[in-house]
Amino acid sequence: MASAFAVLAEPNRRALLSLLASSERSVGELERRLRMSQPSVSKHLRVLREAGFVDARIDAQRRVYRLRPERLREVDAWIAPFRRFWSAHVDALERHLDRMGRPAAPRRRVRAIRPKSRRTR
């Protein structure tokens, strides 16, 4: 089995996973959403399936894919110490800036954007 990170390194596979995170989808729908060819989508889905990131079921004449979160939990578990590392550093920076008496962040003036009117003829 390929390394989870080797599988996730490919941008098209990450795009497929992003789409499957919201709902299961057919190969045809994935092709349309990503504007990729059927062979390319199928190739990437095969890699994702073999690596345990997705599974498929047959629905009439189409194959429907869904995300398998277990494998992503493994990746998240590996990333967790790094997340804690950065969180601790950001917290330390926040405390340091508070001790320095940092001024409040300036408020930005937000300008309303109005749609341009269309003239009808």
PDB file of N, CA and C in Angstrom:
ATOM      1  N   MET A   1       0.843  -1.177   0.000  1.00  0.00           N
ATOM      2  CA  MET A   1       0.000   0.000   0.000  1.00  0.00           C
ATOM      3  C   MET A   1       0.887   1.238   0.000  1.00  0.00           C
ATOM      4  N   ALA A   2       0.481   2.228  -0.792  1.00  0.00           N
ATOM      5  CA  ALA A   2       1.246   3.464  -0.895  1.00  0.00           C
ATOM      6  C   ALA A   2       1.119   4.281   0.393  1.00  0.00           C
ATOM      7  N   SER A   3       2.125   5.079   0.642  1.00  0.00           N
ATOM      8  CA  SER A   3       2.083   5.985   1.781  1.00  0.00           C
ATOM      9  C   SER A   3       0.910   6.946   1.611  1.00  0.00           C
ATOM     10  N   ALA A   4       0.238   7.244   2.710  1.00  0.00           N
ATOM     11  CA  ALA A   4      -0.890   8.177   2.663  1.00  0.00           C
ATOM     12  C   ALA A   4      -0.438   9.519   2.100  1.00  0.00           C
ATOM     13  N   PHE A   5       0.755   9.948   2.465  1.00  0.00           N
ATOM     14  CA  PHE A   5       1.239  11.244   2.002  1.00  0.00           C
ATOM     15  C   PHE A   5       1.595  11.216   0.521  1.00  0.00           C
ATOM     16  N   ALA A   6       2.085  10.094   0.025  1.00  0.00           N
ATOM     17  CA  ALA A   6       2.357   9.972  -1.408  1.00  0.00           C
ATOM     18  C   ALA A   6       1.053  10.050  -2.192  1.00  0.00           C
ATOM     19  N   VAL A   7       0.022   9.419  -1.683  1.00  0.00           N
ATOM     20  CA  VAL A   7      -1.289   9.446  -2.342  1.00  0.00           C
ATOM     21  C   VAL A   7      -1.851  10.865  -2.320  1.00  0.00           C
ATOM     22  N   LEU A   8      -1.760  11.538  -1.181  1.00  0.00           N
ATOM     23  CA  LEU A   8      -2.333  12.876  -1.029  1.00  0.00           C
ATOM     24  C   LEU A   8      -1.503  13.966  -1.698  1.00  0.00           C
ATOM     25  N   ALA A   9      -0.293  13.645  -2.103  1.00  0.00           N
ATOM     26  CA  ALA A   9       0.566  14.642  -2.740  1.00  0.00           C
ATOM     27  C   ALA A   9       0.034  15.072  -4.105  1.00  0.00           C
ATOM     28  N   GLU A  10      -0.773  14.247  -4.723  1.00  0.00           N
ATOM     29  CA  GLU A  10      -1.280  14.537  -6.066  1.00  0.00           C
ATOM     30  C   GLU A  10      -2.493  15.468  -5.972  1.00  0.00           C
ATOM     31  N   PRO A  11      -2.446  16.658  -6.593  1.00  0.00           N
ATOM     32  CA  PRO A  11      -3.531  17.637  -6.472  1.00  0.00           C
ATOM     33  C   PRO A  11      -4.899  17.141  -6.940  1.00  0.00           C
ATOM     34  N   ASN A  12      -4.943  16.348  -8.001  1.00  0.00           N
ATOM     35  CA  ASN A  12      -6.237  15.846  -8.482  1.00  0.00           C
ATOM     36  C   ASN A  12      -6.881  14.900  -7.460  1.00  0.00           C
ATOM     37  N   ARG A  13      -6.072  14.138  -6.770  1.00  0.00           N
ATOM     38  CA  ARG A  13      -6.619  13.246  -5.739  1.00  0.00           C
ATOM     39  C   ARG A  13      -7.173  14.050  -4.568  1.00  0.00           C
ATOM     40  N   ARG A  14      -6.461  15.109  -4.204  1.00  0.00           N
ATOM     41  CA  ARG A  14      -6.982  15.977  -3.132  1.00  0.00           C
ATOM     42  C   ARG A  14      -8.291  16.621  -3.559  1.00  0.00           C
ATOM     43  N   ALA A  15      -8.390  17.018  -4.813  1.00  0.00           N
ATOM     44  CA  ALA A  15      -9.639  17.610  -5.317  1.00  0.00           C
ATOM     45  C   ALA A  15     -10.773  16.590  -5.270  1.00  0.00           C
ATOM     46  N   LEU A  16     -10.487  15.355  -5.629  1.00  0.00           N
ATOM     47  CA  LEU A  16     -11.499  14.300  -5.549  1.00  0.00           C
ATOM     48  C   LEU A  16     -11.955  14.097  -4.109  1.00  0.00           C
ATOM     49  N   LEU A  17     -11.013  14.047  -3.183  1.00  0.00           N
ATOM     50  CA  LEU A  17     -11.361  13.874  -1.772  1.00  0.00           C
ATOM     51  C   LEU A  17     -12.204  15.045  -1.271  1.00  0.00           C
ATOM     52  N   SER A  18     -11.886  16.246  -1.703  1.00  0.00           N
ATOM     53  CA  SER A  18     -12.661  17.418  -1.290  1.00  0.00           C
ATOM     54  C   SER A  18     -14.104  17.308  -1.743  1.00  0.00           C
ATOM     55  N   LEU A  19     -14.309  16.860  -2.960  1.00  0.00           N
ATOM     56  CA  LEU A  19     -15.682  16.682  -3.455  1.00  0.00           C
ATOM     57  C   LEU A  19     -16.403  15.572  -2.702  1.00  0.00           C
ATOM     58  N   LEU A  20     -15.692  14.496  -2.417  1.00  0.00           N
ATOM     59  CA  LEU A  20     -16.316  13.366  -1.731  1.00  0.00           C
ATOM     60  C   LEU A  20     -16.551  13.647  -0.246  1.00  0.00           C
ATOM     61  N   ALA A  21     -15.910  14.676   0.286  1.00  0.00           N
ATOM     62  CA  ALA A  21     -16.094  15.007   1.707  1.00  0.00           C
ATOM     63  C   ALA A  21     -17.521  15.471   1.986  1.00  0.00           C
ATOM     64  N   SER A  22     -18.170  16.069   0.997  1.00  0.00           N
ATOM     65  CA  SER A  22     -19.526  16.576   1.221  1.00  0.00           C
ATOM     66  C   SER A  22     -20.601  15.532   0.922  1.00  0.00           C
ATOM     67  N   SER A  23     -20.344  14.638  -0.022  1.00  0.00           N
ATOM     68  CA  SER A  23     -21.328  13.587  -0.333  1.00  0.00           C
ATOM     69  C   SER A  23     -20.716  12.572  -1.290  1.00  0.00           C
ATOM     70  N   GLU A  24     -21.353  11.419  -1.349  1.00  0.00           N
ATOM     71  CA  GLU A  24     -20.872  10.427  -2.309  1.00  0.00           C
ATOM     72  C   GLU A  24     -21.252  10.885  -3.707  1.00  0.00           C
ATOM     73  N   ARG A  25     -20.437  10.478  -4.688  1.00  0.00           N
ATOM     74  CA  ARG A  25     -20.633  10.954  -6.060  1.00  0.00           C
ATOM     75  C   ARG A  25     -20.265   9.865  -7.063  1.00  0.00           C
ATOM     76  N   SER A  26     -20.908   9.946  -8.202  1.00  0.00           N
ATOM     77  CA  SER A  26     -20.605   9.005  -9.283  1.00  0.00           C
ATOM     78  C   SER A  26     -19.362   9.473 -10.030  1.00  0.00           C
ATOM     79  N   VAL A  27     -18.776   8.562 -10.773  1.00  0.00           N
ATOM     80  CA  VAL A  27     -17.594   8.898 -11.569  1.00  0.00           C
ATOM     81  C   VAL A  27     -17.948  10.017 -12.548  1.00  0.00           C
ATOM     82  N   GLY A  28     -19.112   9.921 -13.187  1.00  0.00           N
ATOM     83  CA  GLY A  28     -19.531  10.946 -14.144  1.00  0.00           C
ATOM     84  C   GLY A  28     -19.642  12.322 -13.514  1.00  0.00           C
ATOM     85  N   GLU A  29     -20.194  12.383 -12.304  1.00  0.00           N
ATOM     86  CA  GLU A  29     -20.308  13.667 -11.622  1.00  0.00           C
ATOM     87  C   GLU A  29     -18.930  14.225 -11.279  1.00  0.00           C
ATOM     88  N   LEU A  30     -18.027  13.353 -10.845  1.00  0.00           N
ATOM     89  CA  LEU A  30     -16.665  13.795 -10.537  1.00  0.00           C
ATOM     90  C   LEU A  30     -15.963  14.313 -11.790  1.00  0.00           C
ATOM     91  N   GLU A  31     -16.171  13.639 -12.912  1.00  0.00           N
ATOM     92  CA  GLU A  31     -15.594  14.093 -14.181  1.00  0.00           C
ATOM     93  C   GLU A  31     -16.070  15.502 -14.504  1.00  0.00           C
ATOM     94  N   ARG A  32     -17.372  15.712 -14.419  1.00  0.00           N
ATOM     95  CA  ARG A  32     -17.940  17.024 -14.755  1.00  0.00           C
ATOM     96  C   ARG A  32     -17.449  18.106 -13.796  1.00  0.00           C
ATOM     97  N   ARG A  33     -17.455  17.807 -12.516  1.00  0.00           N
ATOM     98  CA  ARG A  33     -17.080  18.827 -11.523  1.00  0.00           C
ATOM     99  C   ARG A  33     -15.606  19.220 -11.651  1.00  0.00           C
ATOM    100  N   LEU A  34     -14.756  18.259 -11.966  1.00  0.00           N
ATOM    101  CA  LEU A  34     -13.320  18.536 -12.062  1.00  0.00           C
ATOM    102  C   LEU A  34     -12.844  18.795 -13.485  1.00  0.00           C
ATOM    103  N   ARG A  35     -13.751  18.610 -14.442  1.00  0.00           N
ATOM    104  CA  ARG A  35     -13.404  18.781 -15.860  1.00  0.00           C
ATOM    105  C   ARG A  35     -12.200  17.934 -16.237  1.00  0.00           C
ATOM    106  N   MET A  36     -12.282  16.671 -15.844  1.00  0.00           N
ATOM    107  CA  MET A  36     -11.232  15.708 -16.154  1.00  0.00           C
ATOM    108  C   MET A  36     -11.833  14.593 -16.997  1.00  0.00           C
ATOM    109  N   SER A  37     -10.988  13.883 -17.701  1.00  0.00           N
ATOM    110  CA  SER A  37     -11.458  12.758 -18.510  1.00  0.00           C
ATOM    111  C   SER A  37     -11.823  11.578 -17.611  1.00  0.00           C
ATOM    112  N   GLN A  38     -12.681  10.717 -18.123  1.00  0.00           N
ATOM    113  CA  GLN A  38     -13.097   9.540 -17.352  1.00  0.00           C
ATOM    114  C   GLN A  38     -11.912   8.648 -17.007  1.00  0.00           C
ATOM    115  N   PRO A  39     -10.991   8.368 -17.956  1.00  0.00           N
ATOM    116  CA  PRO A  39      -9.846   7.525 -17.589  1.00  0.00           C
ATOM    117  C   PRO A  39      -8.989   8.139 -16.483  1.00  0.00           C
ATOM    118  N   SER A  40      -8.802   9.451 -16.513  1.00  0.00           N
ATOM    119  CA  SER A  40      -7.995  10.107 -15.492  1.00  0.00           C
ATOM    120  C   SER A  40      -8.671  10.036 -14.125  1.00  0.00           C
ATOM    121  N   VAL A  41      -9.978  10.320 -14.081  1.00  0.00           N
ATOM    122  CA  VAL A  41     -10.715  10.235 -12.815  1.00  0.00           C
ATOM    123  C   VAL A  41     -10.659   8.810 -12.280  1.00  0.00           C
ATOM    124  N   SER A  42     -10.892   7.841 -13.145  1.00  0.00           N
ATOM    125  CA  SER A  42     -10.885   6.439 -12.719  1.00  0.00           C
ATOM    126  C   SER A  42      -9.517   6.017 -12.190  1.00  0.00           C
ATOM    127  N   LYS A  43      -8.460   6.492 -12.835  1.00  0.00           N
ATOM    128  CA  LYS A  43      -7.100   6.161 -12.387  1.00  0.00           C
ATOM    129  C   LYS A  43      -6.862   6.680 -10.969  1.00  0.00           C
ATOM    130  N   HIS A  44      -7.222   7.946 -10.739  1.00  0.00           N
ATOM    131  CA  HIS A  44      -7.009   8.532  -9.414  1.00  0.00           C
ATOM    132  C   HIS A  44      -7.909   7.874  -8.366  1.00  0.00           C
ATOM    133  N   LEU A  45      -9.135   7.555  -8.737  1.00  0.00           N
ATOM    134  CA  LEU A  45     -10.034   6.879  -7.792  1.00  0.00           C
ATOM    135  C   LEU A  45      -9.505   5.494  -7.432  1.00  0.00           C
ATOM    136  N   ARG A  46      -8.906   4.801  -8.394  1.00  0.00           N
ATOM    137  CA  ARG A  46      -8.335   3.484  -8.113  1.00  0.00           C
ATOM    138  C   ARG A  46      -7.212   3.602  -7.076  1.00  0.00           C
ATOM    139  N   VAL A  47      -6.350   4.617  -7.247  1.00  0.00           N
ATOM    140  CA  VAL A  47      -5.263   4.829  -6.290  1.00  0.00           C
ATOM    141  C   VAL A  47      -5.839   5.144  -4.909  1.00  0.00           C
ATOM    142  N   LEU A  48      -6.839   6.015  -4.856  1.00  0.00           N
ATOM    143  CA  LEU A  48      -7.466   6.367  -3.583  1.00  0.00           C
ATOM    144  C   LEU A  48      -8.139   5.161  -2.932  1.00  0.00           C
ATOM    145  N   ARG A  49      -8.772   4.327  -3.755  1.00  0.00           N
ATOM    146  CA  ARG A  49      -9.447   3.128  -3.226  1.00  0.00           C
ATOM    147  C   ARG A  49      -8.423   2.134  -2.685  1.00  0.00           C
ATOM    148  N   GLU A  50      -7.355   1.887  -3.432  1.00  0.00           N
ATOM    149  CA  GLU A  50      -6.328   0.946  -2.995  1.00  0.00           C
ATOM    150  C   GLU A  50      -5.618   1.428  -1.733  1.00  0.00           C
ATOM    151  N   ALA A  51      -5.544   2.752  -1.547  1.00  0.00           N
ATOM    152  CA  ALA A  51      -4.895   3.317  -0.362  1.00  0.00           C
ATOM    153  C   ALA A  51      -5.858   3.413   0.821  1.00  0.00           C
ATOM    154  N   GLY A  52      -7.134   3.100   0.594  1.00  0.00           N
ATOM    155  CA  GLY A  52      -8.107   3.097   1.687  1.00  0.00           C
ATOM    156  C   GLY A  52      -8.782   4.428   1.964  1.00  0.00           C
ATOM    157  N   PHE A  53      -8.648   5.397   1.062  1.00  0.00           N
ATOM    158  CA  PHE A  53      -9.277   6.699   1.267  1.00  0.00           C
ATOM    159  C   PHE A  53     -10.733   6.741   0.812  1.00  0.00           C
ATOM    160  N   VAL A  54     -11.086   5.904  -0.157  1.00  0.00           N
ATOM    161  CA  VAL A  54     -12.464   5.867  -0.666  1.00  0.00           C
ATOM    162  C   VAL A  54     -12.884   4.420  -0.864  1.00  0.00           C
ATOM    163  N   ASP A  55     -14.183   4.226  -0.949  1.00  0.00           N
ATOM    164  CA  ASP A  55     -14.682   2.944  -1.422  1.00  0.00           C
ATOM    165  C   ASP A  55     -15.813   3.207  -2.397  1.00  0.00           C
ATOM    166  N   ALA A  56     -16.193   2.165  -3.109  1.00  0.00           N
ATOM    167  CA  ALA A  56     -17.179   2.312  -4.180  1.00  0.00           C
ATOM    168  C   ALA A  56     -18.286   1.286  -4.014  1.00  0.00           C
ATOM    169  N   ARG A  57     -19.430   1.653  -4.548  1.00  0.00           N
ATOM    170  CA  ARG A  57     -20.547   0.716  -4.619  1.00  0.00           C
ATOM    171  C   ARG A  57     -21.167   0.857  -6.001  1.00  0.00           C
ATOM    172  N   ILE A  58     -21.793  -0.204  -6.434  1.00  0.00           N
ATOM    173  CA  ILE A  58     -22.455  -0.198  -7.734  1.00  0.00           C
ATOM    174  C   ILE A  58     -23.901   0.227  -7.522  1.00  0.00           C
ATOM    175  N   ASP A  59     -24.349   1.193  -8.312  1.00  0.00           N
ATOM    176  CA  ASP A  59     -25.725   1.672  -8.280  1.00  0.00           C
ATOM    177  C   ASP A  59     -26.233   1.643  -9.720  1.00  0.00           C
ATOM    178  N   ALA A  60     -26.987   0.588 -10.022  1.00  0.00           N
ATOM    179  CA  ALA A  60     -27.462   0.354 -11.398  1.00  0.00           C
ATOM    180  C   ALA A  60     -26.239   0.198 -12.303  1.00  0.00           C
ATOM    181  N   GLN A  61     -26.061   1.117 -13.240  1.00  0.00           N
ATOM    182  CA  GLN A  61     -24.936   0.998 -14.172  1.00  0.00           C
ATOM    183  C   GLN A  61     -23.800   1.970 -13.864  1.00  0.00           C
ATOM    184  N   ARG A  62     -23.827   2.534 -12.711  1.00  0.00           N
ATOM    185  CA  ARG A  62     -22.761   3.480 -12.380  1.00  0.00           C
ATOM    186  C   ARG A  62     -22.094   3.092 -11.072  1.00  0.00           C
ATOM    187  N   ARG A  63     -20.877   3.544 -10.933  1.00  0.00           N
ATOM    188  CA  ARG A  63     -20.113   3.309  -9.715  1.00  0.00           C
ATOM    189  C   ARG A  63     -20.119   4.599  -8.903  1.00  0.00           C
ATOM    190  N   VAL A  64     -20.479   4.488  -7.626  1.00  0.00           N
ATOM    191  CA  VAL A  64     -20.583   5.652  -6.747  1.00  0.00           C
ATOM    192  C   VAL A  64     -19.497   5.535  -5.682  1.00  0.00           C
ATOM    193  N   TYR A  65     -18.757   6.622  -5.494  1.00  0.00           N
ATOM    194  CA  TYR A  65     -17.650   6.641  -4.541  1.00  0.00           C
ATOM    195  C   TYR A  65     -18.009   7.466  -3.320  1.00  0.00           C
ATOM    196  N   ARG A  66     -17.434   7.052  -2.190  1.00  0.00           N
ATOM    197  CA  ARG A  66     -17.602   7.815  -0.951  1.00  0.00           C
ATOM    198  C   ARG A  66     -16.286   7.815  -0.193  1.00  0.00           C
ATOM    199  N   LEU A  67     -16.146   8.812   0.648  1.00  0.00           N
ATOM    200  CA  LEU A  67     -14.948   8.983   1.451  1.00  0.00           C
ATOM    201  C   LEU A  67     -14.933   7.987   2.601  1.00  0.00           C
ATOM    202  N   ARG A  68     -13.754   7.457   2.893  1.00  0.00           N
ATOM    203  CA  ARG A  68     -13.550   6.617   4.088  1.00  0.00           C
ATOM    204  C   ARG A  68     -12.707   7.429   5.052  1.00  0.00           C
ATOM    205  N   PRO A  69     -13.317   7.961   6.096  1.00  0.00           N
ATOM    206  CA  PRO A  69     -12.592   8.884   6.981  1.00  0.00           C
ATOM    207  C   PRO A  69     -11.503   8.240   7.825  1.00  0.00           C
ATOM    208  N   GLU A  70     -11.508   6.929   7.963  1.00  0.00           N
ATOM    209  CA  GLU A  70     -10.525   6.267   8.826  1.00  0.00           C
ATOM    210  C   GLU A  70      -9.094   6.611   8.410  1.00  0.00           C
ATOM    211  N   ARG A  71      -8.832   6.570   7.122  1.00  0.00           N
ATOM    212  CA  ARG A  71      -7.468   6.822   6.645  1.00  0.00           C
ATOM    213  C   ARG A  71      -7.070   8.276   6.881  1.00  0.00           C
ATOM    214  N   LEU A  72      -8.040   9.185   6.762  1.00  0.00           N
ATOM    215  CA  LEU A  72      -7.748  10.589   7.022  1.00  0.00           C
ATOM    216  C   LEU A  72      -7.465  10.824   8.503  1.00  0.00           C
ATOM    217  N   ARG A  73      -8.086  10.018   9.359  1.00  0.00           N
ATOM    218  CA  ARG A  73      -7.803  10.137  10.795  1.00  0.00           C
ATOM    219  C   ARG A  73      -6.349   9.771  11.087  1.00  0.00           C
ATOM    220  N   GLU A  74      -5.810   8.805  10.339  1.00  0.00           N
ATOM    221  CA  GLU A  74      -4.400   8.447  10.495  1.00  0.00           C
ATOM    222  C   GLU A  74      -3.505   9.635  10.156  1.00  0.00           C
ATOM    223  N   VAL A  75      -3.833  10.320   9.075  1.00  0.00           N
ATOM    224  CA  VAL A  75      -3.060  11.491   8.659  1.00  0.00           C
ATOM    225  C   VAL A  75      -3.193  12.588   9.711  1.00  0.00           C
ATOM    226  N   ASP A  76      -4.408  12.804  10.194  1.00  0.00           N
ATOM    227  CA  ASP A  76      -4.648  13.814  11.219  1.00  0.00           C
ATOM    228  C   ASP A  76      -3.866  13.496  12.492  1.00  0.00           C
ATOM    229  N   ALA A  77      -3.812  12.230  12.867  1.00  0.00           N
ATOM    230  CA  ALA A  77      -3.067  11.830  14.063  1.00  0.00           C
ATOM    231  C   ALA A  77      -1.574  12.132  13.891  1.00  0.00           C
ATOM    232  N   TRP A  78      -1.068  11.936  12.689  1.00  0.00           N
ATOM    233  CA  TRP A  78       0.342  12.228  12.437  1.00  0.00           C
ATOM    234  C   TRP A  78       0.595  13.739  12.504  1.00  0.00           C
ATOM    235  N   ILE A  79      -0.359  14.543  12.031  1.00  0.00           N
ATOM    236  CA  ILE A  79      -0.212  15.996  11.989  1.00  0.00           C
ATOM    237  C   ILE A  79      -0.426  16.629  13.369  1.00  0.00           C
ATOM    238  N   ALA A  80      -1.152  15.973  14.261  1.00  0.00           N
ATOM    239  CA  ALA A  80      -1.544  16.547  15.557  1.00  0.00           C
ATOM    240  C   ALA A  80      -0.380  17.161  16.342  1.00  0.00           C
ATOM    241  N   PRO A  81       0.767  16.493  16.486  1.00  0.00           N
ATOM    242  CA  PRO A  81       1.865  17.113  17.249  1.00  0.00           C
ATOM    243  C   PRO A  81       2.350  18.424  16.626  1.00  0.00           C
ATOM    244  N   PHE A  82       2.309  18.495  15.304  1.00  0.00           N
ATOM    245  CA  PHE A  82       2.739  19.710  14.625  1.00  0.00           C
ATOM    246  C   PHE A  82       1.726  20.825  14.844  1.00  0.00           C
ATOM    247  N   ARG A  83       0.452  20.466  14.859  1.00  0.00           N
ATOM    248  CA  ARG A  83      -0.604  21.437  15.130  1.00  0.00           C
ATOM    249  C   ARG A  83      -0.425  22.000  16.536  1.00  0.00           C
ATOM    250  N   ARG A  84      -0.133  21.130  17.504  1.00  0.00           N
ATOM    251  CA  ARG A  84       0.112  21.585  18.880  1.00  0.00           C
ATOM    252  C   ARG A  84       1.340  22.485  18.942  1.00  0.00           C
ATOM    253  N   PHE A  85       2.377  22.116  18.180  1.00  0.00           N
ATOM    254  CA  PHE A  85       3.599  22.913  18.132  1.00  0.00           C
ATOM    255  C   PHE A  85       3.289  24.334  17.675  1.00  0.00           C
ATOM    256  N   TRP A  86       2.584  24.466  16.555  1.00  0.00           N
ATOM    257  CA  TRP A  86       2.290  25.796  16.028  1.00  0.00           C
ATOM    258  C   TRP A  86       1.314  26.537  16.921  1.00  0.00           C
ATOM    259  N   SER A  87       0.365  25.838  17.484  1.00  0.00           N
ATOM    260  CA  SER A  87      -0.594  26.470  18.385  1.00  0.00           C
ATOM    261  C   SER A  87       0.127  27.050  19.592  1.00  0.00           C
ATOM    262  N   ALA A  88       1.069  26.297  20.153  1.00  0.00           N
ATOM    263  CA  ALA A  88       1.833  26.781  21.302  1.00  0.00           C
ATOM    264  C   ALA A  88       2.651  28.014  20.932  1.00  0.00           C
ATOM    265  N   HIS A  89       3.236  28.015  19.738  1.00  0.00           N
ATOM    266  CA  HIS A  89       4.034  29.164  19.312  1.00  0.00           C
ATOM    267  C   HIS A  89       3.160  30.398  19.062  1.00  0.00           C
ATOM    268  N   VAL A  90       2.009  30.202  18.490  1.00  0.00           N
ATOM    269  CA  VAL A  90       1.104  31.330  18.254  1.00  0.00           C
ATOM    270  C   VAL A  90       0.609  31.880  19.588  1.00  0.00           C
ATOM    271  N   ASP A  91       0.300  30.982  20.533  1.00  0.00           N
ATOM    272  CA  ASP A  91      -0.120  31.427  21.868  1.00  0.00           C
ATOM    273  C   ASP A  91       0.996  32.223  22.546  1.00  0.00           C
ATOM    274  N   ALA A  92       2.231  31.772  22.419  1.00  0.00           N
ATOM    275  CA  ALA A  92       3.371  32.477  23.016  1.00  0.00           C
ATOM    276  C   ALA A  92       3.529  33.857  22.383  1.00  0.00           C
ATOM    277  N   LEU A  93       3.363  33.951  21.090  1.00  0.00           N
ATOM    278  CA  LEU A  93       3.438  35.246  20.408  1.00  0.00           C
ATOM    279  C   LEU A  93       2.339  36.173  20.920  1.00  0.00           C
ATOM    280  N   GLU A  94       1.145  35.643  21.067  1.00  0.00           N
ATOM    281  CA  GLU A  94       0.012  36.425  21.583  1.00  0.00           C
ATOM    282  C   GLU A  94       0.329  36.977  22.978  1.00  0.00           C
ATOM    283  N   ARG A  95       0.878  36.132  23.863  1.00  0.00           N
ATOM    284  CA  ARG A  95       1.239  36.575  25.215  1.00  0.00           C
ATOM    285  C   ARG A  95       2.328  37.649  25.163  1.00  0.00           C
ATOM    286  N   HIS A  96       3.310  37.445  24.315  1.00  0.00           N
ATOM    287  CA  HIS A  96       4.394  38.415  24.169  1.00  0.00           C
ATOM    288  C   HIS A  96       3.852  39.771  23.704  1.00  0.00           C
ATOM    289  N   LEU A  97       2.987  39.761  22.716  1.00  0.00           N
ATOM    290  CA  LEU A  97       2.419  41.010  22.215  1.00  0.00           C
ATOM    291  C   LEU A  97       1.554  41.689  23.274  1.00  0.00           C
ATOM    292  N   ASP A  98       0.844  40.891  24.059  1.00  0.00           N
ATOM    293  CA  ASP A  98       0.041  41.463  25.149  1.00  0.00           C
ATOM    294  C   ASP A  98       0.939  42.143  26.185  1.00  0.00           C
ATOM    295  N   ARG A  99       2.075  41.512  26.525  1.00  0.00           N
ATOM    296  CA  ARG A  99       3.016  42.089  27.492  1.00  0.00           C
ATOM    297  C   ARG A  99       3.617  43.390  26.965  1.00  0.00           C
ATOM    298  N   MET A 100       3.786  43.472  25.664  1.00  0.00           N
ATOM    299  CA  MET A 100       4.355  44.678  25.056  1.00  0.00           C
ATOM    300  C   MET A 100       3.326  45.799  24.976  1.00  0.00           C
ATOM    301  N   GLY A 101       2.072  45.479  25.309  1.00  0.00           N
ATOM    302  CA  GLY A 101       1.023  46.494  25.246  1.00  0.00           C
ATOM    303  C   GLY A 101       0.692  46.880  23.827  1.00  0.00           C
ATOM    304  N   ARG A 102       0.530  45.903  23.012  1.00  0.00           N
ATOM    305  CA  ARG A 102       0.271  46.187  21.605  1.00  0.00           C
ATOM    306  C   ARG A 102      -1.016  46.986  21.459  1.00  0.00           C
ATOM    307  N   PRO A 103      -1.004  47.889  20.533  1.00  0.00           N
ATOM    308  CA  PRO A 103      -2.223  48.658  20.285  1.00  0.00           C
ATOM    309  C   PRO A 103      -3.273  47.780  19.626  1.00  0.00           C
ATOM    310  N   ALA A 104      -4.489  48.176  19.805  1.00  0.00           N
ATOM    311  CA  ALA A 104      -5.573  47.423  19.172  1.00  0.00           C
ATOM    312  C   ALA A 104      -5.401  47.504  17.666  1.00  0.00           C
ATOM    313  N   ALA A 105      -5.766  46.454  17.002  1.00  0.00           N
ATOM    314  CA  ALA A 105      -5.672  46.429  15.545  1.00  0.00           C
ATOM    315  C   ALA A 105      -6.591  47.510  14.981  1.00  0.00           C
ATOM    316  N   PRO A 106      -6.096  48.264  14.022  1.00  0.00           N
ATOM    317  CA  PRO A 106      -6.939  49.320  13.446  1.00  0.00           C
ATOM    318  C   PRO A 106      -8.146  48.700  12.741  1.00  0.00           C
ATOM    319  N   ARG A 107      -9.257  49.398  12.875  1.00  0.00           N
ATOM    320  CA  ARG A 107     -10.463  48.912  12.203  1.00  0.00           C
ATOM    321  C   ARG A 107     -10.420  49.355  10.750  1.00  0.00           C
ATOM    322  N   ARG A 108     -10.761  48.441   9.908  1.00  0.00           N
ATOM    323  CA  ARG A 108     -10.793  48.769   8.489  1.00  0.00           C
ATOM    324  C   ARG A 108     -12.175  49.266   8.126  1.00  0.00           C
ATOM    325  N   ARG A 109     -12.176  50.263   7.314  1.00  0.00           N
ATOM    326  CA  ARG A 109     -13.444  50.782   6.834  1.00  0.00           C
ATOM    327  C   ARG A 109     -13.880  49.928   5.654  1.00  0.00           C
ATOM    328  N   VAL A 110     -15.056  49.376   5.761  1.00  0.00           N
ATOM    329  CA  VAL A 110     -15.567  48.512   4.706  1.00  0.00           C
ATOM    330  C   VAL A 110     -16.525  49.316   3.859  1.00  0.00           C
ATOM    331  N   ARG A 111     -16.257  49.337   2.593  1.00  0.00           N
ATOM    332  CA  ARG A 111     -17.088  50.082   1.663  1.00  0.00           C
ATOM    333  C   ARG A 111     -18.073  49.128   1.019  1.00  0.00           C
ATOM    334  N   ALA A 112     -19.320  49.527   1.010  1.00  0.00           N
ATOM    335  CA  ALA A 112     -20.349  48.688   0.404  1.00  0.00           C
ATOM    336  C   ALA A 112     -20.155  48.679  -1.101  1.00  0.00           C
ATOM    337  N   ILE A 113     -20.275  47.523  -1.669  1.00  0.00           N
ATOM    338  CA  ILE A 113     -20.169  47.385  -3.122  1.00  0.00           C
ATOM    339  C   ILE A 113     -21.570  47.184  -3.658  1.00  0.00           C
ATOM    340  N   ARG A 114     -21.946  48.086  -4.509  1.00  0.00           N
ATOM    341  CA  ARG A 114     -23.286  48.008  -5.090  1.00  0.00           C
ATOM    342  C   ARG A 114     -23.173  47.473  -6.498  1.00  0.00           C
ATOM    343  N   PRO A 115     -24.066  46.550  -6.863  1.00  0.00           N
ATOM    344  CA  PRO A 115     -24.010  46.038  -8.235  1.00  0.00           C
ATOM    345  C   PRO A 115     -24.362  47.138  -9.222  1.00  0.00           C
ATOM    346  N   LYS A 116     -23.698  47.126 -10.358  1.00  0.00           N
ATOM    347  CA  LYS A 116     -23.998  48.101 -11.398  1.00  0.00           C
ATOM    348  C   LYS A 116     -25.357  47.775 -11.995  1.00  0.00           C
ATOM    349  N   SER A 117     -26.133  48.792 -12.182  1.00  0.00           N
ATOM    350  CA  SER A 117     -27.464  48.540 -12.751  1.00  0.00           C
ATOM    351  C   SER A 117     -27.335  48.265 -14.233  1.00  0.00           C
ATOM    352  N   ARG A 118     -28.188  47.415 -14.718  1.00  0.00           N
ATOM    353  CA  ARG A 118     -28.213  47.082 -16.142  1.00  0.00           C
ATOM    354  C   ARG A 118     -29.374  47.817 -16.783  1.00  0.00           C
ATOM    355  N   ARG A 119     -29.090  48.380 -17.877  1.00  0.00           N
ATOM    356  CA  ARG A 119     -30.168  49.048 -18.602  1.00  0.00           C
ATOM    357  C   ARG A 119     -30.856  48.029 -19.486  1.00  0.00           C
ATOM    358  N   THR A 120     -32.133  48.052 -19.465  1.00  0.00           N
ATOM    359  CA  THR A 120     -32.895  47.175 -20.362  1.00  0.00           C
ATOM    360  C   THR A 120     -33.306  47.944 -21.571  1.00  0.00           C
ATOM    361  N   ARG A 121     -33.249  47.289 -22.684  1.00  0.00           N
ATOM    362  CA  ARG A 121     -33.586  47.969 -23.951  1.00  0.00           C
ATOM    363  C   ARG A 121     -34.888  47.456 -24.471  1.00  0.00           C
TER     364      ARG A 121
END
